[in-house]
Amino acid sequence: MGATSNLLRTGSNPNPQMRVEDFSQTTRKLKNTHLRFILTELAAGLTFASVARNAGRSKENKEESRARARAAYDSVLRFRRRVVLTEKESERVQSKSQELKGRLEALGEKF
């Protein structure tokens, strides 16, 4: 067996720079995935807060939607700590988080 066959069989990478680039790319993808998740949670939370606000006389629907909006808010807080965002991304997340928190407070949620 030649050296090339051995490399293919063992999975060793003779170029450490490729590993660094792959790691860098994977890290960027993970960060982008976290950001999309956070923004999706915020959008869902805002939607649930709107549903709760417009639930009319249905106390059960209002409470369920409020609870889901709060769960989304809490999820954002938990995942926000796991990712380093740019200043612009951070401002966007902060703005939406404050909007959701305000809507939750209007629904009677305590923080």
N, C-alpha and C. Protein backbone atom coordinates (compact mmCIF):
# COMPACT_ATOMS: atom_id res chain seq x y z
N MET A 1 0.84 -1.18 0.00
CA MET A 1 0.00 0.00 0.00
C MET A 1 0.88 1.24 0.00
N GLY A 2 0.48 2.22 -0.81
CA GLY A 2 1.25 3.45 -0.88
C GLY A 2 0.80 4.45 0.18
N ALA A 3 1.50 5.57 0.25
CA ALA A 3 1.19 6.62 1.24
C ALA A 3 -0.20 7.20 1.02
N THR A 4 -0.61 7.37 -0.25
CA THR A 4 -1.93 7.93 -0.54
C THR A 4 -3.02 6.99 -0.07
N SER A 5 -2.86 5.73 -0.33
CA SER A 5 -3.86 4.76 0.13
C SER A 5 -3.97 4.77 1.64
N ASN A 6 -2.82 4.86 2.30
CA ASN A 6 -2.81 4.89 3.76
C ASN A 6 -3.53 6.13 4.28
N LEU A 7 -3.32 7.30 3.66
CA LEU A 7 -3.99 8.53 4.07
C LEU A 7 -5.51 8.40 3.92
N LEU A 8 -5.94 7.85 2.79
CA LEU A 8 -7.38 7.70 2.56
C LEU A 8 -8.00 6.74 3.56
N ARG A 9 -7.26 5.69 3.87
CA ARG A 9 -7.77 4.69 4.79
C ARG A 9 -7.85 5.22 6.22
N THR A 10 -6.86 5.98 6.66
CA THR A 10 -6.83 6.44 8.04
C THR A 10 -7.59 7.74 8.25
N GLY A 11 -7.85 8.47 7.18
CA GLY A 11 -8.56 9.73 7.32
C GLY A 11 -7.67 10.86 7.81
N SER A 12 -6.36 10.65 7.86
CA SER A 12 -5.45 11.70 8.31
C SER A 12 -5.40 12.80 7.27
N ASN A 13 -5.26 14.02 7.72
CA ASN A 13 -5.17 15.16 6.83
C ASN A 13 -3.74 15.70 6.89
N PRO A 14 -2.99 15.61 5.77
CA PRO A 14 -1.61 16.08 5.79
C PRO A 14 -1.49 17.59 5.83
N ASN A 15 -2.59 18.30 5.64
CA ASN A 15 -2.56 19.76 5.57
C ASN A 15 -3.30 20.34 6.78
N PRO A 16 -2.57 20.71 7.85
CA PRO A 16 -3.23 21.24 9.05
C PRO A 16 -4.00 22.52 8.77
N GLN A 17 -3.58 23.30 7.78
CA GLN A 17 -4.28 24.54 7.45
C GLN A 17 -5.71 24.24 7.00
N MET A 18 -5.90 23.16 6.28
CA MET A 18 -7.25 22.78 5.85
C MET A 18 -8.13 22.52 7.07
N ARG A 19 -7.57 21.89 8.08
CA ARG A 19 -8.36 21.64 9.29
C ARG A 19 -8.77 22.95 9.95
N VAL A 20 -7.87 23.91 10.01
CA VAL A 20 -8.18 25.21 10.61
C VAL A 20 -9.26 25.91 9.80
N GLU A 21 -9.14 25.87 8.47
CA GLU A 21 -10.16 26.50 7.62
C GLU A 21 -11.50 25.80 7.78
N ASP A 22 -11.49 24.48 7.84
CA ASP A 22 -12.73 23.73 8.04
C ASP A 22 -13.36 24.09 9.38
N PHE A 23 -12.52 24.17 10.41
CA PHE A 23 -13.01 24.53 11.74
C PHE A 23 -13.60 25.93 11.72
N SER A 24 -12.93 26.85 11.07
CA SER A 24 -13.40 28.24 10.98
C SER A 24 -14.75 28.29 10.27
N GLN A 25 -14.86 27.57 9.19
CA GLN A 25 -16.11 27.55 8.43
C GLN A 25 -17.23 26.92 9.26
N THR A 26 -16.92 25.86 9.95
CA THR A 26 -17.92 25.19 10.80
C THR A 26 -18.36 26.12 11.93
N THR A 27 -17.41 26.85 12.51
CA THR A 27 -17.74 27.80 13.57
C THR A 27 -18.66 28.89 13.06
N ARG A 28 -18.39 29.42 11.86
CA ARG A 28 -19.26 30.44 11.27
C ARG A 28 -20.67 29.89 11.03
N LYS A 29 -20.74 28.68 10.51
CA LYS A 29 -22.04 28.06 10.25
C LYS A 29 -22.82 27.88 11.55
N LEU A 30 -22.12 27.44 12.60
CA LEU A 30 -22.78 27.25 13.89
C LEU A 30 -23.30 28.58 14.42
N LYS A 31 -22.49 29.63 14.33
CA LYS A 31 -22.91 30.95 14.79
C LYS A 31 -24.15 31.42 14.01
N ASN A 32 -24.13 31.23 12.69
CA ASN A 32 -25.27 31.63 11.88
C ASN A 32 -26.52 30.83 12.22
N THR A 33 -26.33 29.55 12.52
CA THR A 33 -27.46 28.71 12.92
C THR A 33 -28.03 29.19 14.25
N HIS A 34 -27.16 29.51 15.20
CA HIS A 34 -27.62 30.04 16.49
C HIS A 34 -28.37 31.35 16.29
N LEU A 35 -27.85 32.23 15.45
CA LEU A 35 -28.51 33.52 15.21
C LEU A 35 -29.89 33.30 14.59
N ARG A 36 -29.97 32.43 13.59
CA ARG A 36 -31.28 32.15 12.97
C ARG A 36 -32.25 31.56 13.99
N PHE A 37 -31.75 30.68 14.85
CA PHE A 37 -32.61 30.10 15.88
C PHE A 37 -33.13 31.19 16.82
N ILE A 38 -32.26 32.06 17.27
CA ILE A 38 -32.65 33.14 18.18
C ILE A 38 -33.69 34.04 17.52
N LEU A 39 -33.46 34.42 16.28
CA LEU A 39 -34.41 35.30 15.58
C LEU A 39 -35.75 34.60 15.33
N THR A 40 -35.69 33.30 15.07
CA THR A 40 -36.93 32.53 14.88
C THR A 40 -37.70 32.44 16.19
N GLU A 41 -37.00 32.21 17.29
CA GLU A 41 -37.66 32.18 18.61
C GLU A 41 -38.30 33.52 18.93
N LEU A 42 -37.60 34.60 18.62
CA LEU A 42 -38.17 35.93 18.86
C LEU A 42 -39.42 36.16 18.02
N ALA A 43 -39.37 35.78 16.76
CA ALA A 43 -40.54 35.94 15.89
C ALA A 43 -41.71 35.10 16.40
N ALA A 44 -41.42 33.88 16.82
CA ALA A 44 -42.48 33.02 17.36
C ALA A 44 -43.04 33.61 18.65
N GLY A 45 -42.16 34.08 19.52
CA GLY A 45 -42.61 34.69 20.77
C GLY A 45 -43.49 35.91 20.53
N LEU A 46 -43.10 36.75 19.59
CA LEU A 46 -43.91 37.93 19.27
C LEU A 46 -45.27 37.53 18.69
N THR A 47 -45.27 36.47 17.89
CA THR A 47 -46.53 35.97 17.33
C THR A 47 -47.43 35.44 18.45
N PHE A 48 -46.87 34.64 19.35
CA PHE A 48 -47.67 34.12 20.46
C PHE A 48 -48.19 35.25 21.36
N ALA A 49 -47.37 36.27 21.56
CA ALA A 49 -47.81 37.41 22.38
C ALA A 49 -48.97 38.13 21.70
N SER A 50 -48.92 38.26 20.39
CA SER A 50 -50.03 38.89 19.65
C SER A 50 -51.29 38.03 19.73
N VAL A 51 -51.12 36.74 19.61
CA VAL A 51 -52.28 35.83 19.71
C VAL A 51 -52.89 35.95 21.10
N ALA A 52 -52.05 36.01 22.12
CA ALA A 52 -52.55 36.14 23.50
C ALA A 52 -53.30 37.46 23.67
N ARG A 53 -52.75 38.52 23.13
CA ARG A 53 -53.38 39.85 23.25
C ARG A 53 -54.75 39.87 22.57
N ASN A 54 -54.87 39.13 21.47
CA ASN A 54 -56.11 39.14 20.69
C ASN A 54 -57.01 37.94 20.97
N ALA A 55 -56.78 37.25 22.07
CA ALA A 55 -57.52 36.03 22.37
C ALA A 55 -58.96 36.30 22.79
N GLY A 56 -59.29 37.53 23.04
CA GLY A 56 -60.66 37.86 23.44
C GLY A 56 -61.00 37.26 24.79
N ARG A 57 -62.14 36.59 24.83
CA ARG A 57 -62.63 36.05 26.11
C ARG A 57 -62.07 34.67 26.44
N SER A 58 -61.32 34.09 25.53
CA SER A 58 -60.79 32.76 25.76
C SER A 58 -59.56 32.82 26.67
N LYS A 59 -59.82 32.68 27.97
CA LYS A 59 -58.73 32.75 28.95
C LYS A 59 -57.71 31.63 28.73
N GLU A 60 -58.19 30.45 28.37
CA GLU A 60 -57.31 29.31 28.15
C GLU A 60 -56.34 29.58 26.99
N ASN A 61 -56.86 30.07 25.86
CA ASN A 61 -56.01 30.39 24.71
C ASN A 61 -55.03 31.50 25.04
N LYS A 62 -55.51 32.49 25.77
CA LYS A 62 -54.65 33.61 26.15
C LYS A 62 -53.48 33.13 27.01
N GLU A 63 -53.77 32.32 28.02
CA GLU A 63 -52.73 31.82 28.92
C GLU A 63 -51.74 30.91 28.20
N GLU A 64 -52.26 30.05 27.35
CA GLU A 64 -51.39 29.13 26.61
C GLU A 64 -50.45 29.92 25.68
N SER A 65 -50.97 30.89 24.99
CA SER A 65 -50.15 31.70 24.09
C SER A 65 -49.16 32.56 24.85
N ARG A 66 -49.58 33.10 25.98
CA ARG A 66 -48.67 33.89 26.81
C ARG A 66 -47.52 33.01 27.32
N ALA A 67 -47.84 31.80 27.76
CA ALA A 67 -46.83 30.88 28.25
C ALA A 67 -45.83 30.50 27.15
N ARG A 68 -46.33 30.31 25.94
CA ARG A 68 -45.44 29.98 24.82
C ARG A 68 -44.55 31.17 24.45
N ALA A 69 -45.11 32.37 24.53
CA ALA A 69 -44.31 33.57 24.27
C ALA A 69 -43.21 33.70 25.32
N ARG A 70 -43.54 33.44 26.57
CA ARG A 70 -42.54 33.51 27.64
C ARG A 70 -41.47 32.44 27.46
N ALA A 71 -41.87 31.24 27.05
CA ALA A 71 -40.91 30.16 26.82
C ALA A 71 -39.94 30.56 25.70
N ALA A 72 -40.45 31.21 24.67
CA ALA A 72 -39.59 31.67 23.58
C ALA A 72 -38.60 32.72 24.09
N TYR A 73 -39.09 33.64 24.91
CA TYR A 73 -38.23 34.69 25.48
C TYR A 73 -37.13 34.06 26.33
N ASP A 74 -37.49 33.13 27.18
CA ASP A 74 -36.50 32.46 28.04
C ASP A 74 -35.48 31.68 27.21
N SER A 75 -35.94 31.07 26.15
CA SER A 75 -35.05 30.33 25.26
C SER A 75 -34.03 31.27 24.61
N VAL A 76 -34.50 32.44 24.20
CA VAL A 76 -33.60 33.43 23.61
C VAL A 76 -32.52 33.83 24.61
N LEU A 77 -32.92 34.08 25.84
CA LEU A 77 -31.95 34.47 26.86
C LEU A 77 -30.90 33.38 27.08
N ARG A 78 -31.35 32.15 27.08
CA ARG A 78 -30.45 31.01 27.30
C ARG A 78 -29.46 30.85 26.13
N PHE A 79 -29.97 30.90 24.91
CA PHE A 79 -29.11 30.67 23.75
C PHE A 79 -28.28 31.89 23.39
N ARG A 80 -28.73 33.07 23.77
CA ARG A 80 -27.99 34.29 23.46
C ARG A 80 -26.60 34.26 24.09
N ARG A 81 -26.48 33.63 25.23
CA ARG A 81 -25.19 33.54 25.93
C ARG A 81 -24.19 32.63 25.21
N ARG A 82 -24.66 31.82 24.29
CA ARG A 82 -23.80 30.82 23.65
C ARG A 82 -23.13 31.31 22.37
N VAL A 83 -23.48 32.50 21.92
CA VAL A 83 -22.96 32.95 20.63
C VAL A 83 -22.48 34.39 20.72
N VAL A 84 -21.38 34.65 20.04
CA VAL A 84 -20.84 36.01 19.97
C VAL A 84 -21.38 36.63 18.69
N LEU A 85 -22.10 37.72 18.84
CA LEU A 85 -22.71 38.39 17.69
C LEU A 85 -21.97 39.68 17.37
N THR A 86 -22.12 40.12 16.13
CA THR A 86 -21.59 41.42 15.77
C THR A 86 -22.44 42.48 16.46
N GLU A 87 -21.97 43.70 16.45
CA GLU A 87 -22.72 44.78 17.09
C GLU A 87 -24.11 44.93 16.46
N LYS A 88 -24.17 44.87 15.15
CA LYS A 88 -25.45 45.00 14.44
C LYS A 88 -26.40 43.84 14.78
N GLU A 89 -25.87 42.62 14.80
CA GLU A 89 -26.69 41.46 15.15
C GLU A 89 -27.18 41.57 16.59
N SER A 90 -26.29 41.97 17.46
CA SER A 90 -26.64 42.10 18.88
C SER A 90 -27.73 43.16 19.08
N GLU A 91 -27.62 44.27 18.37
CA GLU A 91 -28.65 45.32 18.47
C GLU A 91 -30.00 44.80 17.98
N ARG A 92 -29.97 44.03 16.91
CA ARG A 92 -31.23 43.46 16.37
C ARG A 92 -31.88 42.51 17.37
N VAL A 93 -31.07 41.63 17.95
CA VAL A 93 -31.58 40.68 18.93
C VAL A 93 -32.08 41.43 20.17
N GLN A 94 -31.32 42.41 20.62
CA GLN A 94 -31.71 43.19 21.80
C GLN A 94 -33.02 43.93 21.57
N SER A 95 -33.16 44.54 20.41
CA SER A 95 -34.38 45.28 20.08
C SER A 95 -35.61 44.37 20.09
N LYS A 96 -35.49 43.24 19.43
CA LYS A 96 -36.61 42.27 19.38
C LYS A 96 -36.88 41.68 20.76
N SER A 97 -35.83 41.44 21.53
CA SER A 97 -36.01 40.91 22.89
C SER A 97 -36.77 41.90 23.76
N GLN A 98 -36.40 43.17 23.66
CA GLN A 98 -37.09 44.21 24.43
C GLN A 98 -38.55 44.34 24.00
N GLU A 99 -38.79 44.24 22.69
CA GLU A 99 -40.16 44.30 22.19
C GLU A 99 -40.99 43.14 22.77
N LEU A 100 -40.43 41.94 22.74
CA LEU A 100 -41.14 40.78 23.27
C LEU A 100 -41.35 40.92 24.78
N LYS A 101 -40.34 41.36 25.49
CA LYS A 101 -40.47 41.55 26.94
C LYS A 101 -41.57 42.56 27.24
N GLY A 102 -41.63 43.64 26.49
CA GLY A 102 -42.68 44.65 26.68
C GLY A 102 -44.07 44.08 26.44
N ARG A 103 -44.20 43.28 25.41
CA ARG A 103 -45.51 42.66 25.14
C ARG A 103 -45.88 41.68 26.24
N LEU A 104 -44.91 40.95 26.75
CA LEU A 104 -45.18 40.02 27.84
C LEU A 104 -45.60 40.77 29.10
N GLU A 105 -44.92 41.86 29.39
CA GLU A 105 -45.30 42.67 30.55
C GLU A 105 -46.72 43.21 30.41
N ALA A 106 -47.08 43.59 29.19
CA ALA A 106 -48.45 44.07 28.93
C ALA A 106 -49.48 42.96 29.16
N LEU A 107 -49.04 41.72 29.02
CA LEU A 107 -49.93 40.58 29.26
C LEU A 107 -49.92 40.16 30.73
N GLY A 108 -49.14 40.87 31.56
CA GLY A 108 -49.13 40.57 32.99
C GLY A 108 -47.95 39.74 33.45
N GLU A 109 -47.02 39.46 32.55
CA GLU A 109 -45.85 38.66 32.90
C GLU A 109 -44.92 39.48 33.79
N LYS A 110 -44.38 38.84 34.82
CA LYS A 110 -43.44 39.49 35.75
C LYS A 110 -42.03 39.01 35.46
N PHE A 111 -41.07 39.92 35.57
CA PHE A 111 -39.66 39.60 35.34
C PHE A 111 -38.84 39.91 36.55
